[in-house]
Amino acid sequence: QPQYLALARGSAEGLHRDRRRRRRAAGGAAADEAGVVVACGDTKVVERGKADQLYVTTSGIGEIADGVNVSVHNAAPGDAIIVTGPIGLHGVAVMAARERLGFASSAASDVAPLNRMLGPVVSELQVHAMRDPTRGGCAAALHEMSAASGVGMVLDEVALPIPDVVEGACALLGTDPLEMPNEGNALIVLPDAQADRAVEILRSHQYGREATRIGRVVSKAAFPVTLSTALGQRLVDAPRGELLPRIC
């Protein structure tokens, strides 16, 4: 559970006052939504043209409740794999903005605070492992879980919640939606018998309305992560390199 946040801003000389005011209001609203106290911070102004207008950096602390252990080392054969929302929107939204991809301009980042959505799942159910599929997307996160737990991961292609705009952008750019970064999404691994209840809890929250079961954990396999398709099994590689410059 997050508790306190340090927030610092670096802005370029001449940044319009209204933009600074909007950024402060947005930061305060986000902190309120997550139930976090912005305890301290700082503001620096640098020479015009030296800071790409505005940078924001944060550092936060919180606490883990007694008995909670959602390490990537805990996935077990027979577990279900759940994703809490659509896959790949953040990555496509950032690429569309950076590269001026007009066809993907409708993609909006999924960035969101997830603690209030995930809290009831963790407290009520026996969550074995949980991971945010940020850098490297779901592919990287699942490979990390597989290696740490010594298990295999099998995904169902039909079940993957991939929006059309993500499918289209990835097809054109030659990238895999499973490698696209997400910022308001979580992968949850828990006993199969509890999967339906987990999805029910998640869908009751605004950020989990498209939560769904996307696969299962199996005993250690020849390849860590595979995708079941109409044509058979496809290997899901671990991402190589970076699709996007590191911005968060």
Protein backbone atom coordinates (compact mmCIF):
# COMPACT_ATOMS: atom_id res chain seq x y z
CA GLN A 1 0.00 0.00 0.00
CA PRO A 2 1.58 3.30 -1.09
CA GLN A 3 1.73 6.00 1.56
CA TYR A 4 4.07 8.91 0.83
CA LEU A 5 5.50 10.46 -2.31
CA ALA A 6 8.34 12.85 -2.98
CA LEU A 7 7.71 14.76 -6.19
CA ALA A 8 10.16 16.99 -8.06
CA ARG A 9 9.74 18.97 -11.25
CA GLY A 10 12.29 20.37 -13.62
CA SER A 11 10.94 22.86 -16.14
CA ALA A 12 12.43 24.95 -18.90
CA GLU A 13 12.56 28.72 -18.61
CA GLY A 14 9.46 30.22 -20.17
CA LEU A 15 7.08 27.30 -19.59
CA HIS A 16 3.63 28.87 -19.57
CA ARG A 17 2.12 29.42 -16.13
CA ASP A 18 -1.15 27.72 -17.10
CA ARG A 19 0.70 24.53 -18.02
CA ARG A 20 2.49 24.52 -14.67
CA ARG A 21 -0.81 25.07 -12.87
CA ARG A 22 -2.48 22.22 -14.77
CA ARG A 23 0.42 19.88 -13.96
CA ARG A 24 0.17 20.68 -10.24
CA ALA A 25 -3.58 20.08 -10.26
CA ALA A 26 -3.15 16.79 -12.13
CA GLY A 27 -0.48 15.60 -9.69
CA GLY A 28 -2.68 16.42 -6.73
CA ALA A 29 -5.69 14.65 -8.24
CA ALA A 30 -3.62 11.52 -8.96
CA ALA A 31 -2.27 11.46 -5.41
CA ASP A 32 -5.76 11.83 -3.98
CA GLU A 33 -7.07 8.99 -6.14
CA ALA A 34 -4.29 6.67 -4.97
CA GLY A 35 -4.60 7.77 -1.35
CA VAL A 36 -1.00 9.02 -1.27
CA VAL A 37 0.36 12.02 0.62
CA VAL A 38 2.78 14.18 -1.38
CA ALA A 39 5.11 14.72 1.54
CA CYS A 40 7.88 16.76 -0.08
CA GLY A 41 9.21 17.96 -3.39
CA ASP A 42 11.24 20.50 -5.26
CA THR A 43 11.08 22.64 -8.38
CA LYS A 44 13.99 23.62 -10.59
CA VAL A 45 14.06 25.90 -13.62
CA VAL A 46 16.75 25.43 -16.26
CA GLU A 47 17.74 27.42 -19.32
CA ARG A 48 15.24 27.67 -22.13
CA GLY A 49 15.45 24.64 -24.42
CA LYS A 50 17.44 22.51 -21.95
CA ALA A 51 14.67 20.45 -20.36
CA ASP A 52 12.24 19.58 -23.18
CA GLN A 53 9.70 21.76 -21.32
CA LEU A 54 9.00 19.61 -18.27
CA TYR A 55 10.34 16.60 -16.39
CA VAL A 56 8.75 15.00 -13.33
CA THR A 57 10.52 12.59 -11.00
CA THR A 58 9.03 10.80 -8.00
CA SER A 59 10.08 8.49 -5.20
CA GLY A 60 7.58 6.76 -2.98
CA ILE A 61 7.37 4.51 0.05
CA GLY A 62 4.64 2.27 1.37
CA GLU A 63 4.11 -0.90 3.35
CA ILE A 64 3.35 -4.55 2.68
CA ALA A 65 0.66 -6.07 4.88
CA ASP A 66 1.54 -9.06 7.04
CA GLY A 67 1.14 -12.34 5.21
CA VAL A 68 1.22 -10.84 1.72
CA ASN A 69 3.83 -12.36 -0.60
CA VAL A 70 3.24 -11.81 -4.32
CA SER A 71 6.81 -12.46 -5.48
CA VAL A 72 7.52 -13.63 -9.02
CA HIS A 73 9.09 -16.72 -7.40
CA ASN A 74 5.72 -18.12 -6.27
CA ALA A 75 3.92 -19.15 -9.48
CA ALA A 76 2.93 -22.84 -9.39
CA PRO A 77 1.65 -25.37 -11.94
CA GLY A 78 -2.13 -25.26 -12.10
CA ASP A 79 -2.32 -21.51 -11.46
CA ALA A 80 -4.33 -19.21 -13.71
CA ILE A 81 -2.85 -16.09 -15.33
CA ILE A 82 -5.01 -12.97 -15.32
CA VAL A 83 -4.40 -9.58 -16.90
CA THR A 84 -6.33 -6.65 -15.46
CA GLY A 85 -6.91 -4.69 -18.67
CA PRO A 86 -6.23 -4.19 -22.39
CA ILE A 87 -2.69 -4.96 -23.54
CA GLY A 88 -0.31 -2.55 -25.25
CA LEU A 89 -2.17 0.77 -25.14
CA HIS A 90 0.57 2.73 -23.35
CA GLY A 91 3.29 1.65 -25.76
CA VAL A 92 1.26 2.47 -28.84
CA ALA A 93 0.13 5.82 -27.39
CA VAL A 94 3.73 6.85 -26.71
CA MET A 95 4.92 5.69 -30.12
CA ALA A 96 2.05 7.53 -31.81
CA ALA A 97 2.94 10.77 -30.01
CA ARG A 98 6.71 10.49 -30.56
CA GLU A 99 6.62 9.34 -34.17
CA ARG A 100 3.46 11.23 -35.19
CA LEU A 101 1.63 8.07 -36.20
CA GLY A 102 -1.72 9.52 -37.15
CA PHE A 103 -3.36 6.14 -37.63
CA ALA A 104 -2.72 5.32 -33.95
CA SER A 105 -3.68 8.70 -32.51
CA SER A 106 -6.80 7.23 -30.89
CA ALA A 107 -4.65 5.13 -28.52
CA ALA A 108 -4.60 6.55 -24.99
CA SER A 109 -2.19 5.44 -22.29
CA ASP A 110 -3.64 3.16 -19.64
CA VAL A 111 -1.62 4.84 -16.88
CA ALA A 112 -3.55 4.57 -13.60
CA PRO A 113 -3.15 3.87 -9.87
CA LEU A 114 -3.96 0.21 -9.27
CA ASN A 115 -3.64 -0.17 -5.50
CA ARG A 116 -7.34 0.23 -4.71
CA MET A 117 -8.31 -2.24 -7.42
CA LEU A 118 -5.73 -4.86 -6.45
CA GLY A 119 -6.13 -4.52 -2.68
CA PRO A 120 -9.36 -6.56 -2.41
CA VAL A 121 -7.94 -9.30 -4.65
CA VAL A 122 -4.82 -9.65 -2.50
CA SER A 123 -6.71 -9.53 0.80
CA GLU A 124 -9.51 -11.94 -0.16
CA LEU A 125 -7.71 -14.45 -2.38
CA GLN A 126 -4.48 -16.43 -2.38
CA VAL A 127 -2.44 -14.47 -4.92
CA HIS A 128 0.80 -16.27 -5.63
CA ALA A 129 2.54 -13.75 -7.89
CA MET A 130 1.86 -10.34 -9.33
CA ARG A 131 3.80 -8.18 -11.78
CA ASP A 132 3.35 -4.93 -13.67
CA PRO A 133 4.03 -5.54 -17.40
CA THR A 134 5.80 -2.25 -18.04
CA ARG A 135 9.13 -2.39 -19.89
CA GLY A 136 9.04 -5.32 -22.29
CA GLY A 137 5.31 -5.75 -21.76
CA CYS A 138 3.59 -9.00 -20.85
CA ALA A 139 6.25 -11.05 -22.63
CA ALA A 140 9.05 -9.76 -20.39
CA ALA A 141 7.00 -10.06 -17.20
CA LEU A 142 5.94 -13.63 -17.92
CA HIS A 143 9.48 -14.68 -18.83
CA GLU A 144 10.64 -13.20 -15.52
CA MET A 145 8.00 -15.15 -13.60
CA SER A 146 8.78 -18.34 -15.50
CA ALA A 147 12.51 -18.13 -14.77
CA ALA A 148 12.05 -17.15 -11.11
CA SER A 149 9.47 -19.87 -10.36
CA GLY A 150 10.84 -22.63 -12.59
CA VAL A 151 7.55 -23.09 -14.43
CA GLY A 152 6.10 -22.68 -17.91
CA MET A 153 3.45 -20.20 -19.04
CA VAL A 154 0.84 -21.06 -21.69
CA LEU A 155 -1.30 -18.21 -23.08
CA ASP A 156 -4.54 -18.43 -25.04
CA GLU A 157 -4.43 -16.22 -28.14
CA VAL A 158 -8.22 -15.86 -28.28
CA ALA A 159 -8.37 -14.62 -24.67
CA LEU A 160 -5.77 -11.85 -25.01
CA PRO A 161 -7.47 -8.43 -24.66
CA ILE A 162 -5.60 -6.61 -27.43
CA PRO A 163 -7.42 -3.50 -28.76
CA ASP A 164 -7.77 -3.08 -32.53
CA VAL A 165 -5.57 0.03 -32.53
CA VAL A 166 -2.78 -1.95 -30.88
CA GLU A 167 -3.18 -4.85 -33.30
CA GLY A 168 -3.08 -2.47 -36.26
CA ALA A 169 -0.08 -0.48 -35.06
CA CYS A 170 1.94 -3.59 -34.20
CA ALA A 171 1.11 -5.23 -37.55
CA LEU A 172 2.33 -2.15 -39.41
CA LEU A 173 5.45 -1.68 -37.29
CA GLY A 174 6.34 -5.38 -37.12
CA THR A 175 6.16 -5.58 -33.33
CA ASP A 176 4.42 -7.97 -30.95
CA PRO A 177 1.59 -6.57 -28.78
CA LEU A 178 2.84 -8.77 -25.93
CA GLU A 179 6.08 -6.73 -25.92
CA MET A 180 4.32 -3.37 -25.75
CA PRO A 181 4.68 -1.52 -22.42
CA ASN A 182 1.67 -1.02 -20.16
CA GLU A 183 1.35 1.50 -17.32
CA GLY A 184 -2.04 0.73 -15.77
CA ASN A 185 -2.06 -3.01 -15.97
CA ALA A 186 -1.12 -5.97 -13.79
CA LEU A 187 -0.53 -9.66 -14.31
CA ILE A 188 -1.93 -11.82 -11.50
CA VAL A 189 -1.12 -15.48 -10.90
CA LEU A 190 -3.28 -17.40 -8.44
CA PRO A 191 -4.93 -20.84 -8.02
CA ASP A 192 -7.21 -21.71 -10.93
CA ALA A 193 -10.17 -22.27 -8.57
CA GLN A 194 -9.99 -18.61 -7.53
CA ALA A 195 -9.62 -17.12 -11.00
CA ASP A 196 -13.32 -16.44 -11.65
CA ARG A 197 -13.69 -14.65 -8.31
CA ALA A 198 -10.56 -12.59 -9.01
CA VAL A 199 -11.95 -11.48 -12.39
CA GLU A 200 -15.28 -10.63 -10.75
CA ILE A 201 -13.56 -8.40 -8.17
CA LEU A 202 -11.38 -6.71 -10.78
CA ARG A 203 -14.28 -5.99 -13.13
CA SER A 204 -16.13 -4.20 -10.35
CA HIS A 205 -13.45 -1.47 -10.47
CA GLN A 206 -13.16 1.15 -13.22
CA TYR A 207 -9.61 0.07 -14.13
CA GLY A 208 -10.41 -3.63 -14.27
CA ARG A 209 -13.52 -3.74 -16.43
CA GLU A 210 -11.71 -5.73 -19.11
CA ALA A 211 -9.85 -8.06 -16.74
CA THR A 212 -9.67 -11.58 -18.07
CA ARG A 213 -7.97 -14.94 -17.68
CA ILE A 214 -5.36 -15.24 -20.43
CA GLY A 215 -3.53 -18.46 -19.65
CA ARG A 216 -2.24 -21.01 -17.21
CA VAL A 217 0.94 -22.04 -15.43
CA VAL A 218 2.35 -25.48 -16.25
CA SER A 219 5.30 -27.53 -15.11
CA LYS A 220 8.65 -26.37 -16.42
CA ALA A 221 8.58 -26.69 -20.21
CA ALA A 222 11.14 -26.73 -23.00
CA PHE A 223 10.26 -23.08 -23.72
CA PRO A 224 9.23 -20.69 -20.92
CA VAL A 225 6.26 -18.90 -22.54
CA THR A 226 4.07 -20.19 -25.38
CA LEU A 227 0.90 -19.02 -27.07
CA SER A 228 -1.88 -21.42 -28.08
CA THR A 229 -3.23 -20.42 -31.50
CA ALA A 230 -5.58 -21.93 -34.06
CA LEU A 231 -2.50 -23.23 -35.85
CA GLY A 232 -0.82 -24.71 -32.78
CA GLN A 233 1.75 -23.47 -30.28
CA ARG A 234 3.80 -20.34 -30.92
CA LEU A 235 6.87 -19.44 -28.90
CA VAL A 236 6.73 -16.06 -27.16
CA ASP A 237 10.26 -14.74 -27.07
CA ALA A 238 11.69 -12.54 -24.35
CA PRO A 239 12.03 -8.99 -25.74
CA ARG A 240 15.41 -8.03 -27.15
CA GLY A 241 16.37 -4.36 -27.02
CA GLU A 242 13.94 -1.55 -26.28
CA LEU A 243 10.95 -0.51 -28.34
CA LEU A 244 10.81 2.89 -26.63
CA PRO A 245 13.36 5.21 -25.01
CA ARG A 246 13.14 4.97 -21.23
CA ILE A 247 10.75 7.65 -20.05
CA CYS A 248 9.27 6.14 -16.90
